[in-house]
Amino acid sequence: MHQLALDIGAVGGIPKRRGRLEDQMNEETFNLSIRKFLKVIGINSQREIERAVTKAVAAGSITGTESFPATMTLDIAGLRLNVTFDGEIALQ
């Protein structure tokens, strides 16, 4: 059951609905925005990793058979969100 609050100070004297977060935001816009952000991060991160590996192999500093621990940090200051994800990049 939804709880409903009315804001009489809305434009034109028409009450404005306030309630659950889902009722206050456009969920489709939110989800599309997240997906777009993650796509940019994914594509650019992959490109940078590939460049770094290619450069290191060409320089002879790695053989191309290593595995590397990797860390990615997601920071959204406005939400006070700072999360670190750990993984591994294996070349073989």
C-alpha atoms as a PDB file:
ATOM      1  CA  MET A   1       0.000   0.000   0.000  1.00  0.00           C
ATOM      2  CA  HIS A   2       1.422   3.402  -0.988  1.00  0.00           C
ATOM      3  CA  GLN A   3       1.476   6.276   1.397  1.00  0.00           C
ATOM      4  CA  LEU A   4       0.535   9.526  -0.282  1.00  0.00           C
ATOM      5  CA  ALA A   5       1.418  13.022   0.849  1.00  0.00           C
ATOM      6  CA  LEU A   6       0.170  16.185  -0.821  1.00  0.00           C
ATOM      7  CA  ASP A   7       2.141  19.365  -1.284  1.00  0.00           C
ATOM      8  CA  ILE A   8      -0.371  22.212  -1.485  1.00  0.00           C
ATOM      9  CA  GLY A   9       2.410  24.656  -2.487  1.00  0.00           C
ATOM     10  CA  ALA A  10       2.584  23.223  -6.003  1.00  0.00           C
ATOM     11  CA  VAL A  11       2.255  25.328  -9.148  1.00  0.00           C
ATOM     12  CA  GLY A  12      -1.247  26.690  -9.776  1.00  0.00           C
ATOM     13  CA  GLY A  13      -2.523  25.415  -6.436  1.00  0.00           C
ATOM     14  CA  ILE A  14      -2.641  21.854  -7.801  1.00  0.00           C
ATOM     15  CA  PRO A  15      -1.388  19.416  -5.186  1.00  0.00           C
ATOM     16  CA  LYS A  16       1.886  17.716  -6.008  1.00  0.00           C
ATOM     17  CA  ARG A  17       2.201  14.013  -5.182  1.00  0.00           C
ATOM     18  CA  ARG A  18       5.066  12.950  -2.953  1.00  0.00           C
ATOM     19  CA  GLY A  19       5.678   9.378  -1.940  1.00  0.00           C
ATOM     20  CA  ARG A  20       8.001   6.521  -2.711  1.00  0.00           C
ATOM     21  CA  LEU A  21      11.258   7.182  -4.572  1.00  0.00           C
ATOM     22  CA  GLU A  22       9.903   5.336  -7.616  1.00  0.00           C
ATOM     23  CA  ASP A  23       7.024   7.803  -7.708  1.00  0.00           C
ATOM     24  CA  GLN A  24       9.380  10.814  -7.540  1.00  0.00           C
ATOM     25  CA  MET A  25      11.780   9.893 -10.354  1.00  0.00           C
ATOM     26  CA  ASN A  26      11.556   8.581 -13.865  1.00  0.00           C
ATOM     27  CA  GLU A  27      12.749   5.005 -13.472  1.00  0.00           C
ATOM     28  CA  GLU A  28      13.275   4.510 -17.220  1.00  0.00           C
ATOM     29  CA  THR A  29      15.467   7.619 -17.452  1.00  0.00           C
ATOM     30  CA  PHE A  30      17.379   6.508 -14.369  1.00  0.00           C
ATOM     31  CA  ASN A  31      18.041   3.007 -15.730  1.00  0.00           C
ATOM     32  CA  LEU A  32      19.039   4.300 -19.182  1.00  0.00           C
ATOM     33  CA  SER A  33      21.401   6.810 -17.576  1.00  0.00           C
ATOM     34  CA  ILE A  34      23.086   4.090 -15.516  1.00  0.00           C
ATOM     35  CA  ARG A  35      23.433   1.829 -18.556  1.00  0.00           C
ATOM     36  CA  LYS A  36      24.912   4.652 -20.636  1.00  0.00           C
ATOM     37  CA  PHE A  37      27.428   5.479 -17.896  1.00  0.00           C
ATOM     38  CA  LEU A  38      28.428   1.823 -17.475  1.00  0.00           C
ATOM     39  CA  LYS A  39      28.800   1.393 -21.247  1.00  0.00           C
ATOM     40  CA  VAL A  40      31.174   4.373 -21.426  1.00  0.00           C
ATOM     41  CA  ILE A  41      33.147   3.049 -18.461  1.00  0.00           C
ATOM     42  CA  GLY A  42      33.297  -0.464 -19.882  1.00  0.00           C
ATOM     43  CA  ILE A  43      34.383   0.544 -23.390  1.00  0.00           C
ATOM     44  CA  ASN A  44      36.973   3.062 -22.223  1.00  0.00           C
ATOM     45  CA  SER A  45      38.336   0.794 -19.481  1.00  0.00           C
ATOM     46  CA  GLN A  46      38.769  -2.082 -21.926  1.00  0.00           C
ATOM     47  CA  ARG A  47      40.523   0.193 -24.417  1.00  0.00           C
ATOM     48  CA  GLU A  48      42.950   1.478 -21.780  1.00  0.00           C
ATOM     49  CA  ILE A  49      43.745  -2.025 -20.509  1.00  0.00           C
ATOM     50  CA  GLU A  50      44.362  -3.266 -24.071  1.00  0.00           C
ATOM     51  CA  ARG A  51      46.679  -0.310 -24.776  1.00  0.00           C
ATOM     52  CA  ALA A  52      48.629  -0.878 -21.575  1.00  0.00           C
ATOM     53  CA  VAL A  53      49.055  -4.603 -22.290  1.00  0.00           C
ATOM     54  CA  THR A  54      50.114  -3.973 -25.905  1.00  0.00           C
ATOM     55  CA  LYS A  55      52.649  -1.379 -24.765  1.00  0.00           C
ATOM     56  CA  ALA A  56      54.044  -3.630 -22.021  1.00  0.00           C
ATOM     57  CA  VAL A  57      54.370  -6.625 -24.360  1.00  0.00           C
ATOM     58  CA  ALA A  58      56.119  -4.467 -26.992  1.00  0.00           C
ATOM     59  CA  ALA A  59      58.494  -3.105 -24.343  1.00  0.00           C
ATOM     60  CA  GLY A  60      59.261  -6.628 -23.149  1.00  0.00           C
ATOM     61  CA  SER A  61      58.184  -5.843 -19.597  1.00  0.00           C
ATOM     62  CA  ILE A  62      55.579  -8.634 -19.658  1.00  0.00           C
ATOM     63  CA  THR A  63      55.440 -11.877 -21.633  1.00  0.00           C
ATOM     64  CA  GLY A  64      51.688 -11.941 -22.259  1.00  0.00           C
ATOM     65  CA  THR A  65      51.004 -14.901 -19.987  1.00  0.00           C
ATOM     66  CA  GLU A  66      50.572 -13.005 -16.706  1.00  0.00           C
ATOM     67  CA  SER A  67      47.522 -12.244 -14.619  1.00  0.00           C
ATOM     68  CA  PHE A  68      47.089  -8.881 -12.956  1.00  0.00           C
ATOM     69  CA  PRO A  69      44.971  -7.975  -9.938  1.00  0.00           C
ATOM     70  CA  ALA A  70      42.722  -5.030 -10.813  1.00  0.00           C
ATOM     71  CA  THR A  71      40.670  -2.586  -8.787  1.00  0.00           C
ATOM     72  CA  MET A  72      37.874  -0.305  -9.974  1.00  0.00           C
ATOM     73  CA  THR A  73      36.395   2.402  -7.756  1.00  0.00           C
ATOM     74  CA  LEU A  74      32.919   3.843  -8.246  1.00  0.00           C
ATOM     75  CA  ASP A  75      32.592   7.247  -6.624  1.00  0.00           C
ATOM     76  CA  ILE A  76      29.395   9.315  -6.737  1.00  0.00           C
ATOM     77  CA  ALA A  77      29.965  12.180  -4.341  1.00  0.00           C
ATOM     78  CA  GLY A  78      26.374  13.454  -4.473  1.00  0.00           C
ATOM     79  CA  LEU A  79      25.156  10.080  -3.215  1.00  0.00           C
ATOM     80  CA  ARG A  80      28.031   9.586  -0.770  1.00  0.00           C
ATOM     81  CA  LEU A  81      28.800   6.362  -2.632  1.00  0.00           C
ATOM     82  CA  ASN A  82      32.328   5.009  -2.837  1.00  0.00           C
ATOM     83  CA  VAL A  83      32.610   1.326  -3.695  1.00  0.00           C
ATOM     84  CA  THR A  84      35.656  -0.652  -4.777  1.00  0.00           C
ATOM     85  CA  PHE A  85      35.454  -3.719  -6.980  1.00  0.00           C
ATOM     86  CA  ASP A  86      38.346  -6.174  -7.164  1.00  0.00           C
ATOM     87  CA  GLY A  87      39.078  -8.616  -9.937  1.00  0.00           C
ATOM     88  CA  GLU A  88      41.788 -10.059 -12.101  1.00  0.00           C
ATOM     89  CA  ILE A  89      42.874  -9.501 -15.699  1.00  0.00           C
ATOM     90  CA  ALA A  90      44.281 -12.749 -17.111  1.00  0.00           C
ATOM     91  CA  LEU A  91      46.231 -12.653 -20.359  1.00  0.00           C
ATOM     92  CA  GLN A  92      46.201 -16.384 -20.867  1.00  0.00           C
END
